[in-house]
Amino acid sequence: MRVVIVPGNGAGDVERANWYGWAKRKLNQLDKVECLLKNMPDPVTARESIWLPFMRNELHCDENTIIIGHSSGAAAAMRLAESQKLFGIILVSAYISDMGEENEKESGYFNRPWEWEKIKQNCGFIEQFGSTDDPFLPWSEQTTVAKELKANFHKYDNRGHFMNSSFPELISAVKAKLS
């Protein structure tokens, strides 16, 4: 089973950013799991036109892949799932609009309606992590994703934008899906 971590935009060296490198190491310790984490091209704007081909061609996201997408990575995971089958997606700090931010507008993820039914049809499961105290995302956007995708939603009140150095609940969620 391949697990791919798709980071949020602006992460720099993803191995050292947030919980990404920590999670990759933990997931690679699991039996029959290969976890991939790479610095993304166009890391600041995170353009859909660049990220989705990279996810397909370099990270080999396919029907045997669980994508863990954080922030912009969650938007990328959802857009990829509109057009192809995935084993499942785990969305962390997911949102649905550019929120009036120019950089988000330029990314291309938010210039058309979301195809919720296609996302659901193409994913074996959808897990979502969100926090009411996220300083970047409105709670209403996170709950809209959960409602539209009928995601198994893990709600927190004290995790902000999930930028800690570890994320044990994420590892537990992946293990549950693999068993």
N, C-alpha and C. Protein backbone atom coordinates (compact mmCIF):
# COMPACT_ATOMS: atom_id res chain seq x y z
N MET A 1 0.84 -1.18 0.00
CA MET A 1 0.00 0.00 0.00
C MET A 1 0.89 1.24 0.00
N ARG A 2 0.55 2.16 -0.88
CA ARG A 2 1.29 3.42 -0.94
C ARG A 2 0.50 4.48 -0.19
N VAL A 3 1.18 5.22 0.66
CA VAL A 3 0.61 6.38 1.34
C VAL A 3 1.42 7.58 0.89
N VAL A 4 0.75 8.60 0.39
CA VAL A 4 1.41 9.80 -0.09
C VAL A 4 0.96 10.99 0.75
N ILE A 5 1.92 11.70 1.31
CA ILE A 5 1.62 12.92 2.05
C ILE A 5 1.80 14.10 1.11
N VAL A 6 0.72 14.85 0.90
CA VAL A 6 0.76 16.05 0.07
C VAL A 6 0.65 17.24 1.03
N PRO A 7 1.73 18.03 1.15
CA PRO A 7 1.78 19.09 2.16
C PRO A 7 0.94 20.31 1.78
N GLY A 8 0.85 21.21 2.71
CA GLY A 8 0.27 22.52 2.41
C GLY A 8 1.28 23.34 1.63
N ASN A 9 0.81 24.44 1.06
CA ASN A 9 1.72 25.29 0.28
C ASN A 9 2.70 26.01 1.20
N GLY A 10 3.83 26.39 0.65
CA GLY A 10 4.83 27.16 1.40
C GLY A 10 5.61 26.37 2.43
N ALA A 11 5.57 25.05 2.37
CA ALA A 11 6.17 24.23 3.42
C ALA A 11 7.70 24.21 3.39
N GLY A 12 8.34 24.63 2.30
CA GLY A 12 9.80 24.55 2.23
C GLY A 12 10.23 23.09 2.17
N ASP A 13 11.22 22.73 3.00
CA ASP A 13 11.67 21.34 3.06
C ASP A 13 10.62 20.53 3.83
N VAL A 14 9.82 19.77 3.12
CA VAL A 14 8.69 19.09 3.74
C VAL A 14 9.10 18.06 4.80
N GLU A 15 10.29 17.52 4.69
CA GLU A 15 10.75 16.55 5.69
C GLU A 15 10.86 17.20 7.08
N ARG A 16 11.07 18.52 7.11
CA ARG A 16 11.25 19.23 8.37
C ARG A 16 10.04 20.08 8.75
N ALA A 17 9.01 20.09 7.93
CA ALA A 17 7.86 20.95 8.16
C ALA A 17 6.74 20.20 8.89
N ASN A 18 6.17 20.85 9.87
CA ASN A 18 5.00 20.32 10.59
C ASN A 18 5.22 18.86 10.99
N TRP A 19 4.23 18.02 10.80
CA TRP A 19 4.28 16.60 11.17
C TRP A 19 4.64 15.70 9.99
N TYR A 20 4.96 16.28 8.84
CA TYR A 20 5.11 15.49 7.61
C TYR A 20 6.22 14.44 7.70
N GLY A 21 7.44 14.86 8.04
CA GLY A 21 8.55 13.91 8.13
C GLY A 21 8.33 12.88 9.22
N TRP A 22 7.80 13.33 10.35
CA TRP A 22 7.49 12.43 11.47
C TRP A 22 6.52 11.35 11.00
N ALA A 23 5.44 11.76 10.32
CA ALA A 23 4.43 10.80 9.86
C ALA A 23 5.01 9.84 8.83
N LYS A 24 5.83 10.36 7.92
CA LYS A 24 6.46 9.48 6.92
C LYS A 24 7.27 8.39 7.60
N ARG A 25 8.07 8.76 8.60
CA ARG A 25 8.88 7.76 9.31
C ARG A 25 7.99 6.72 10.01
N LYS A 26 6.95 7.19 10.69
CA LYS A 26 6.04 6.27 11.40
C LYS A 26 5.33 5.33 10.43
N LEU A 27 4.85 5.87 9.31
CA LEU A 27 4.11 5.05 8.35
C LEU A 27 5.02 4.04 7.65
N ASN A 28 6.26 4.43 7.40
CA ASN A 28 7.19 3.50 6.75
C ASN A 28 7.60 2.36 7.68
N GLN A 29 7.32 2.47 8.96
CA GLN A 29 7.60 1.38 9.91
C GLN A 29 6.50 0.32 9.87
N LEU A 30 5.37 0.63 9.24
CA LEU A 30 4.26 -0.32 9.17
C LEU A 30 4.54 -1.38 8.11
N ASP A 31 3.99 -2.56 8.34
CA ASP A 31 4.13 -3.67 7.41
C ASP A 31 3.47 -3.35 6.07
N LYS A 32 4.16 -3.61 5.00
CA LYS A 32 3.63 -3.50 3.64
C LYS A 32 3.12 -2.10 3.29
N VAL A 33 3.75 -1.06 3.86
CA VAL A 33 3.40 0.32 3.56
C VAL A 33 4.63 1.05 3.04
N GLU A 34 4.44 1.76 1.95
CA GLU A 34 5.48 2.66 1.43
C GLU A 34 4.89 4.06 1.50
N CYS A 35 5.51 4.92 2.30
CA CYS A 35 5.03 6.29 2.42
C CYS A 35 5.96 7.22 1.66
N LEU A 36 5.39 8.02 0.78
CA LEU A 36 6.15 8.98 -0.01
C LEU A 36 5.83 10.40 0.45
N LEU A 37 6.88 11.21 0.53
CA LEU A 37 6.78 12.62 0.87
C LEU A 37 7.89 13.31 0.11
N LYS A 38 7.50 14.22 -0.78
CA LYS A 38 8.51 14.93 -1.57
C LYS A 38 8.21 16.42 -1.56
N ASN A 39 9.28 17.21 -1.72
CA ASN A 39 9.06 18.63 -1.92
C ASN A 39 8.27 18.81 -3.21
N MET A 40 7.26 19.62 -3.14
CA MET A 40 6.38 19.82 -4.29
C MET A 40 6.93 20.91 -5.20
N PRO A 41 6.70 20.77 -6.50
CA PRO A 41 7.04 21.88 -7.40
C PRO A 41 6.06 23.02 -7.14
N ASP A 42 6.45 24.23 -7.46
CA ASP A 42 5.56 25.39 -7.26
C ASP A 42 5.02 25.39 -5.82
N PRO A 43 5.91 25.36 -4.82
CA PRO A 43 5.47 25.15 -3.44
C PRO A 43 4.69 26.31 -2.81
N VAL A 44 4.82 27.52 -3.33
CA VAL A 44 4.12 28.65 -2.71
C VAL A 44 2.70 28.79 -3.24
N THR A 45 2.54 28.79 -4.56
CA THR A 45 1.20 28.95 -5.13
C THR A 45 0.46 27.61 -5.20
N ALA A 46 1.19 26.52 -5.30
CA ALA A 46 0.60 25.17 -5.30
C ALA A 46 -0.42 24.99 -6.43
N ARG A 47 -0.06 25.44 -7.62
CA ARG A 47 -1.01 25.40 -8.74
C ARG A 47 -1.48 23.98 -9.05
N GLU A 48 -2.78 23.86 -9.19
CA GLU A 48 -3.39 22.58 -9.54
C GLU A 48 -2.79 22.02 -10.82
N SER A 49 -2.53 22.87 -11.80
CA SER A 49 -2.00 22.45 -13.10
C SER A 49 -0.60 21.85 -12.98
N ILE A 50 0.09 22.11 -11.89
CA ILE A 50 1.43 21.56 -11.65
C ILE A 50 1.37 20.42 -10.64
N TRP A 51 0.59 20.61 -9.58
CA TRP A 51 0.55 19.60 -8.51
C TRP A 51 -0.12 18.30 -8.93
N LEU A 52 -1.26 18.35 -9.62
CA LEU A 52 -1.94 17.10 -9.96
C LEU A 52 -1.12 16.21 -10.89
N PRO A 53 -0.48 16.74 -11.95
CA PRO A 53 0.41 15.88 -12.75
C PRO A 53 1.58 15.32 -11.92
N PHE A 54 2.13 16.11 -11.01
CA PHE A 54 3.20 15.64 -10.14
C PHE A 54 2.70 14.50 -9.24
N MET A 55 1.49 14.65 -8.72
CA MET A 55 0.93 13.60 -7.87
C MET A 55 0.72 12.30 -8.66
N ARG A 56 0.27 12.43 -9.90
CA ARG A 56 0.06 11.24 -10.74
C ARG A 56 1.40 10.61 -11.17
N ASN A 57 2.29 11.43 -11.71
CA ASN A 57 3.48 10.92 -12.39
C ASN A 57 4.68 10.69 -11.48
N GLU A 58 4.86 11.53 -10.48
CA GLU A 58 6.04 11.41 -9.60
C GLU A 58 5.72 10.68 -8.29
N LEU A 59 4.54 10.93 -7.76
CA LEU A 59 4.15 10.29 -6.49
C LEU A 59 3.31 9.04 -6.72
N HIS A 60 2.97 8.78 -7.98
CA HIS A 60 2.26 7.55 -8.39
C HIS A 60 0.95 7.34 -7.65
N CYS A 61 0.17 8.39 -7.50
CA CYS A 61 -1.13 8.28 -6.85
C CYS A 61 -2.10 7.54 -7.77
N ASP A 62 -2.64 6.44 -7.27
CA ASP A 62 -3.56 5.63 -8.05
C ASP A 62 -4.51 4.90 -7.10
N GLU A 63 -5.19 3.89 -7.62
CA GLU A 63 -6.21 3.19 -6.82
C GLU A 63 -5.62 2.41 -5.65
N ASN A 64 -4.31 2.30 -5.58
CA ASN A 64 -3.64 1.64 -4.45
C ASN A 64 -2.99 2.65 -3.52
N THR A 65 -3.45 3.89 -3.56
CA THR A 65 -2.83 4.96 -2.80
C THR A 65 -3.81 5.60 -1.83
N ILE A 66 -3.33 5.81 -0.62
CA ILE A 66 -4.01 6.68 0.33
C ILE A 66 -3.29 8.02 0.26
N ILE A 67 -4.02 9.07 -0.04
CA ILE A 67 -3.43 10.41 -0.02
C ILE A 67 -3.80 11.09 1.28
N ILE A 68 -2.78 11.57 1.98
CA ILE A 68 -2.98 12.42 3.14
C ILE A 68 -2.68 13.84 2.67
N GLY A 69 -3.71 14.67 2.58
CA GLY A 69 -3.54 16.03 2.09
C GLY A 69 -3.76 17.04 3.20
N HIS A 70 -2.80 17.93 3.39
CA HIS A 70 -2.91 18.97 4.41
C HIS A 70 -3.10 20.32 3.75
N SER A 71 -4.18 21.02 4.08
CA SER A 71 -4.42 22.38 3.61
C SER A 71 -4.49 22.42 2.08
N SER A 72 -3.55 23.06 1.41
CA SER A 72 -3.54 23.05 -0.06
C SER A 72 -3.45 21.61 -0.58
N GLY A 73 -2.76 20.76 0.15
CA GLY A 73 -2.67 19.35 -0.22
C GLY A 73 -4.02 18.65 -0.14
N ALA A 74 -4.88 19.10 0.77
CA ALA A 74 -6.23 18.55 0.84
C ALA A 74 -7.04 18.96 -0.38
N ALA A 75 -6.90 20.23 -0.79
CA ALA A 75 -7.58 20.69 -2.01
C ALA A 75 -7.10 19.88 -3.21
N ALA A 76 -5.79 19.65 -3.29
CA ALA A 76 -5.23 18.87 -4.39
C ALA A 76 -5.76 17.44 -4.37
N ALA A 77 -5.83 16.83 -3.19
CA ALA A 77 -6.34 15.46 -3.09
C ALA A 77 -7.79 15.38 -3.56
N MET A 78 -8.60 16.35 -3.16
CA MET A 78 -10.00 16.33 -3.57
C MET A 78 -10.13 16.51 -5.08
N ARG A 79 -9.37 17.44 -5.66
CA ARG A 79 -9.45 17.64 -7.12
C ARG A 79 -8.95 16.41 -7.87
N LEU A 80 -7.89 15.76 -7.39
CA LEU A 80 -7.41 14.55 -8.05
C LEU A 80 -8.49 13.46 -8.00
N ALA A 81 -9.16 13.36 -6.86
CA ALA A 81 -10.20 12.34 -6.69
C ALA A 81 -11.42 12.60 -7.56
N GLU A 82 -11.56 13.78 -8.09
CA GLU A 82 -12.66 14.04 -9.03
C GLU A 82 -12.47 13.28 -10.34
N SER A 83 -11.20 12.97 -10.67
CA SER A 83 -10.92 12.41 -11.98
C SER A 83 -10.30 11.02 -11.97
N GLN A 84 -10.01 10.46 -10.79
CA GLN A 84 -9.43 9.13 -10.78
C GLN A 84 -9.68 8.43 -9.46
N LYS A 85 -9.60 7.11 -9.52
CA LYS A 85 -9.81 6.29 -8.32
C LYS A 85 -8.59 6.35 -7.42
N LEU A 86 -8.86 6.38 -6.11
CA LEU A 86 -7.83 6.33 -5.08
C LEU A 86 -8.30 5.33 -4.02
N PHE A 87 -7.37 4.73 -3.32
CA PHE A 87 -7.77 3.82 -2.24
C PHE A 87 -8.56 4.60 -1.20
N GLY A 88 -8.10 5.81 -0.89
CA GLY A 88 -8.80 6.67 0.05
C GLY A 88 -8.06 7.98 0.22
N ILE A 89 -8.73 8.93 0.85
CA ILE A 89 -8.09 10.22 1.15
C ILE A 89 -8.31 10.58 2.61
N ILE A 90 -7.28 11.19 3.18
CA ILE A 90 -7.35 11.73 4.53
C ILE A 90 -7.07 13.22 4.40
N LEU A 91 -8.07 14.02 4.72
CA LEU A 91 -7.99 15.47 4.55
C LEU A 91 -7.73 16.12 5.89
N VAL A 92 -6.71 16.97 5.94
CA VAL A 92 -6.36 17.70 7.16
C VAL A 92 -6.45 19.18 6.85
N SER A 93 -7.29 19.89 7.59
CA SER A 93 -7.51 21.33 7.35
C SER A 93 -7.97 21.57 5.91
N ALA A 94 -9.08 20.94 5.55
CA ALA A 94 -9.62 21.06 4.19
C ALA A 94 -10.54 22.28 4.10
N TYR A 95 -10.59 22.86 2.91
CA TYR A 95 -11.41 24.04 2.68
C TYR A 95 -11.88 24.06 1.23
N ILE A 96 -12.81 24.98 0.90
CA ILE A 96 -13.50 24.92 -0.39
C ILE A 96 -13.44 26.18 -1.22
N SER A 97 -12.84 27.26 -0.72
CA SER A 97 -12.83 28.51 -1.48
C SER A 97 -11.47 29.20 -1.34
N ASP A 98 -11.26 30.21 -2.18
CA ASP A 98 -10.01 30.97 -2.08
C ASP A 98 -10.04 31.98 -0.94
N MET A 99 -11.17 32.14 -0.29
CA MET A 99 -11.33 33.02 0.87
C MET A 99 -10.87 34.44 0.60
N GLY A 100 -10.90 34.84 -0.67
CA GLY A 100 -10.48 36.19 -1.03
C GLY A 100 -8.98 36.39 -1.07
N GLU A 101 -8.21 35.33 -0.94
CA GLU A 101 -6.75 35.41 -0.95
C GLU A 101 -6.25 35.24 -2.38
N GLU A 102 -5.43 36.16 -2.85
CA GLU A 102 -4.95 36.14 -4.23
C GLU A 102 -4.15 34.86 -4.55
N ASN A 103 -3.28 34.46 -3.63
CA ASN A 103 -2.47 33.25 -3.85
C ASN A 103 -3.36 32.02 -4.00
N GLU A 104 -4.39 31.93 -3.17
CA GLU A 104 -5.32 30.80 -3.26
C GLU A 104 -6.08 30.84 -4.58
N LYS A 105 -6.45 32.03 -5.02
CA LYS A 105 -7.15 32.20 -6.30
C LYS A 105 -6.27 31.70 -7.44
N GLU A 106 -4.98 32.04 -7.40
CA GLU A 106 -4.04 31.65 -8.45
C GLU A 106 -3.79 30.14 -8.49
N SER A 107 -4.03 29.44 -7.39
CA SER A 107 -3.77 28.00 -7.36
C SER A 107 -4.65 27.23 -8.35
N GLY A 108 -5.85 27.74 -8.62
CA GLY A 108 -6.74 27.10 -9.59
C GLY A 108 -7.71 26.09 -9.01
N TYR A 109 -7.62 25.78 -7.74
CA TYR A 109 -8.51 24.78 -7.15
C TYR A 109 -9.94 25.28 -6.97
N PHE A 110 -10.10 26.59 -6.90
CA PHE A 110 -11.38 27.15 -6.45
C PHE A 110 -12.14 27.91 -7.53
N ASN A 111 -11.80 27.66 -8.80
CA ASN A 111 -12.40 28.41 -9.90
C ASN A 111 -13.61 27.73 -10.52
N ARG A 112 -14.10 26.65 -9.90
CA ARG A 112 -15.25 25.91 -10.43
C ARG A 112 -15.87 25.12 -9.28
N PRO A 113 -17.10 24.65 -9.48
CA PRO A 113 -17.76 23.89 -8.41
C PRO A 113 -17.01 22.58 -8.10
N TRP A 114 -17.15 22.16 -6.86
CA TRP A 114 -16.59 20.87 -6.45
C TRP A 114 -17.50 19.75 -6.93
N GLU A 115 -16.91 18.67 -7.40
CA GLU A 115 -17.67 17.51 -7.87
C GLU A 115 -17.70 16.46 -6.75
N TRP A 116 -18.53 16.74 -5.75
CA TRP A 116 -18.57 15.92 -4.53
C TRP A 116 -18.89 14.47 -4.83
N GLU A 117 -19.85 14.22 -5.71
CA GLU A 117 -20.25 12.83 -6.00
C GLU A 117 -19.10 12.05 -6.63
N LYS A 118 -18.38 12.68 -7.54
CA LYS A 118 -17.24 11.99 -8.17
C LYS A 118 -16.16 11.69 -7.14
N ILE A 119 -15.89 12.63 -6.24
CA ILE A 119 -14.89 12.40 -5.19
C ILE A 119 -15.29 11.18 -4.36
N LYS A 120 -16.54 11.15 -3.93
CA LYS A 120 -17.01 10.03 -3.11
C LYS A 120 -16.93 8.71 -3.87
N GLN A 121 -17.33 8.71 -5.14
CA GLN A 121 -17.31 7.49 -5.95
C GLN A 121 -15.89 6.97 -6.17
N ASN A 122 -14.93 7.87 -6.24
CA ASN A 122 -13.56 7.48 -6.56
C ASN A 122 -12.70 7.16 -5.35
N CYS A 123 -13.25 7.29 -4.14
CA CYS A 123 -12.48 7.02 -2.92
C CYS A 123 -13.10 5.89 -2.12
N GLY A 124 -12.27 4.95 -1.73
CA GLY A 124 -12.75 3.86 -0.87
C GLY A 124 -13.17 4.36 0.50
N PHE A 125 -12.56 5.42 0.95
CA PHE A 125 -12.93 6.05 2.23
C PHE A 125 -12.47 7.50 2.21
N ILE A 126 -13.09 8.29 3.09
CA ILE A 126 -12.70 9.69 3.27
C ILE A 126 -12.70 9.99 4.77
N GLU A 127 -11.53 10.30 5.27
CA GLU A 127 -11.36 10.73 6.66
C GLU A 127 -11.02 12.21 6.63
N GLN A 128 -11.43 12.93 7.65
CA GLN A 128 -11.12 14.37 7.70
C GLN A 128 -10.80 14.79 9.12
N PHE A 129 -9.77 15.63 9.24
CA PHE A 129 -9.40 16.23 10.52
C PHE A 129 -9.56 17.74 10.41
N GLY A 130 -10.25 18.33 11.37
CA GLY A 130 -10.44 19.77 11.38
C GLY A 130 -10.46 20.29 12.80
N SER A 131 -10.12 21.56 12.95
CA SER A 131 -10.12 22.17 14.28
C SER A 131 -10.86 23.51 14.25
N THR A 132 -11.70 23.70 15.24
CA THR A 132 -12.50 24.93 15.31
C THR A 132 -11.64 26.18 15.50
N ASP A 133 -10.42 26.00 16.01
CA ASP A 133 -9.55 27.16 16.26
C ASP A 133 -8.51 27.37 15.15
N ASP A 134 -8.77 26.82 13.96
CA ASP A 134 -7.85 27.01 12.84
C ASP A 134 -7.78 28.50 12.51
N PRO A 135 -6.58 29.11 12.57
CA PRO A 135 -6.47 30.55 12.34
C PRO A 135 -6.57 30.96 10.87
N PHE A 136 -6.51 29.99 9.96
CA PHE A 136 -6.51 30.28 8.52
C PHE A 136 -7.82 29.93 7.83
N LEU A 137 -8.56 28.98 8.38
CA LEU A 137 -9.75 28.46 7.68
C LEU A 137 -11.01 28.66 8.51
N PRO A 138 -12.05 29.16 7.87
CA PRO A 138 -13.33 29.23 8.57
C PRO A 138 -13.85 27.82 8.89
N TRP A 139 -14.42 27.68 10.07
CA TRP A 139 -14.98 26.39 10.47
C TRP A 139 -16.05 25.95 9.49
N SER A 140 -16.82 26.90 8.96
CA SER A 140 -17.90 26.57 8.03
C SER A 140 -17.38 25.87 6.78
N GLU A 141 -16.20 26.23 6.32
CA GLU A 141 -15.64 25.58 5.13
C GLU A 141 -15.25 24.13 5.45
N GLN A 142 -14.69 23.93 6.63
CA GLN A 142 -14.29 22.57 7.02
C GLN A 142 -15.51 21.67 7.17
N THR A 143 -16.57 22.21 7.77
CA THR A 143 -17.77 21.39 7.96
C THR A 143 -18.50 21.15 6.64
N THR A 144 -18.40 22.08 5.70
CA THR A 144 -19.00 21.86 4.38
C THR A 144 -18.34 20.67 3.69
N VAL A 145 -17.01 20.58 3.75
CA VAL A 145 -16.30 19.44 3.17
C VAL A 145 -16.80 18.15 3.81
N ALA A 146 -16.87 18.13 5.13
CA ALA A 146 -17.29 16.92 5.85
C ALA A 146 -18.71 16.51 5.44
N LYS A 147 -19.60 17.49 5.36
CA LYS A 147 -21.00 17.21 5.02
C LYS A 147 -21.12 16.71 3.58
N GLU A 148 -20.49 17.42 2.65
CA GLU A 148 -20.62 17.05 1.24
C GLU A 148 -19.99 15.70 0.92
N LEU A 149 -18.88 15.39 1.58
CA LEU A 149 -18.18 14.12 1.30
C LEU A 149 -18.60 13.00 2.25
N LYS A 150 -19.46 13.33 3.21
CA LYS A 150 -19.84 12.34 4.23
C LYS A 150 -18.60 11.70 4.85
N ALA A 151 -17.64 12.56 5.13
CA ALA A 151 -16.36 12.11 5.68
C ALA A 151 -16.51 11.66 7.12
N ASN A 152 -15.67 10.74 7.52
CA ASN A 152 -15.53 10.41 8.93
C ASN A 152 -14.74 11.57 9.54
N PHE A 153 -15.44 12.45 10.24
CA PHE A 153 -14.87 13.75 10.64
C PHE A 153 -14.35 13.70 12.07
N HIS A 154 -13.07 14.04 12.22
CA HIS A 154 -12.42 14.12 13.54
C HIS A 154 -12.33 15.60 13.90
N LYS A 155 -13.18 16.04 14.81
CA LYS A 155 -13.26 17.45 15.18
C LYS A 155 -12.43 17.71 16.43
N TYR A 156 -11.64 18.79 16.35
CA TYR A 156 -10.85 19.24 17.50
C TYR A 156 -11.15 20.71 17.76
N ASP A 157 -10.84 21.14 18.95
CA ASP A 157 -11.02 22.55 19.31
C ASP A 157 -9.69 23.23 19.64
N ASN A 158 -8.59 22.48 19.56
CA ASN A 158 -7.31 23.01 20.04
C ASN A 158 -6.12 22.64 19.17
N ARG A 159 -6.33 22.36 17.89
CA ARG A 159 -5.22 21.93 17.04
C ARG A 159 -4.82 22.96 16.00
N GLY A 160 -5.53 24.09 15.95
CA GLY A 160 -5.18 25.13 14.98
C GLY A 160 -5.20 24.59 13.56
N HIS A 161 -4.12 24.85 12.83
CA HIS A 161 -4.00 24.41 11.43
C HIS A 161 -3.19 23.11 11.32
N PHE A 162 -3.13 22.37 12.41
CA PHE A 162 -2.41 21.09 12.45
C PHE A 162 -0.97 21.27 11.97
N MET A 163 -0.24 22.12 12.68
CA MET A 163 1.15 22.40 12.32
C MET A 163 2.12 21.91 13.39
N ASN A 164 1.69 20.95 14.22
CA ASN A 164 2.56 20.40 15.25
C ASN A 164 3.62 19.49 14.62
N SER A 165 4.57 19.07 15.42
CA SER A 165 5.65 18.21 14.91
C SER A 165 5.27 16.74 14.90
N SER A 166 4.16 16.37 15.53
CA SER A 166 3.68 14.99 15.48
C SER A 166 2.16 15.00 15.37
N PHE A 167 1.61 13.86 14.99
CA PHE A 167 0.16 13.77 14.73
C PHE A 167 -0.26 12.31 14.92
N PRO A 168 -0.24 11.81 16.18
CA PRO A 168 -0.53 10.39 16.43
C PRO A 168 -1.90 9.92 15.92
N GLU A 169 -2.90 10.80 15.99
CA GLU A 169 -4.25 10.41 15.54
C GLU A 169 -4.27 10.08 14.05
N LEU A 170 -3.43 10.73 13.29
CA LEU A 170 -3.32 10.47 11.86
C LEU A 170 -2.81 9.05 11.62
N ILE A 171 -1.78 8.67 12.35
CA ILE A 171 -1.21 7.32 12.20
C ILE A 171 -2.27 6.28 12.57
N SER A 172 -3.02 6.54 13.63
CA SER A 172 -4.09 5.62 14.03
C SER A 172 -5.14 5.49 12.94
N ALA A 173 -5.49 6.59 12.30
CA ALA A 173 -6.49 6.56 11.22
C ALA A 173 -6.00 5.72 10.05
N VAL A 174 -4.73 5.88 9.68
CA VAL A 174 -4.18 5.08 8.57
C VAL A 174 -4.17 3.61 8.95
N LYS A 175 -3.70 3.29 10.16
CA LYS A 175 -3.67 1.89 10.60
C LYS A 175 -5.06 1.27 10.56
N ALA A 176 -6.07 2.01 10.98
CA ALA A 176 -7.44 1.49 10.97
C ALA A 176 -7.90 1.17 9.55
N LYS A 177 -7.51 1.96 8.59
CA LYS A 177 -7.91 1.72 7.20
C LYS A 177 -7.14 0.57 6.57
N LEU A 178 -5.97 0.28 7.07
CA LEU A 178 -5.16 -0.80 6.53
C LEU A 178 -5.52 -2.16 7.10
N SER A 179 -6.21 -2.17 8.25
CA SER A 179 -6.51 -3.45 8.91
C SER A 179 -7.79 -4.08 8.37
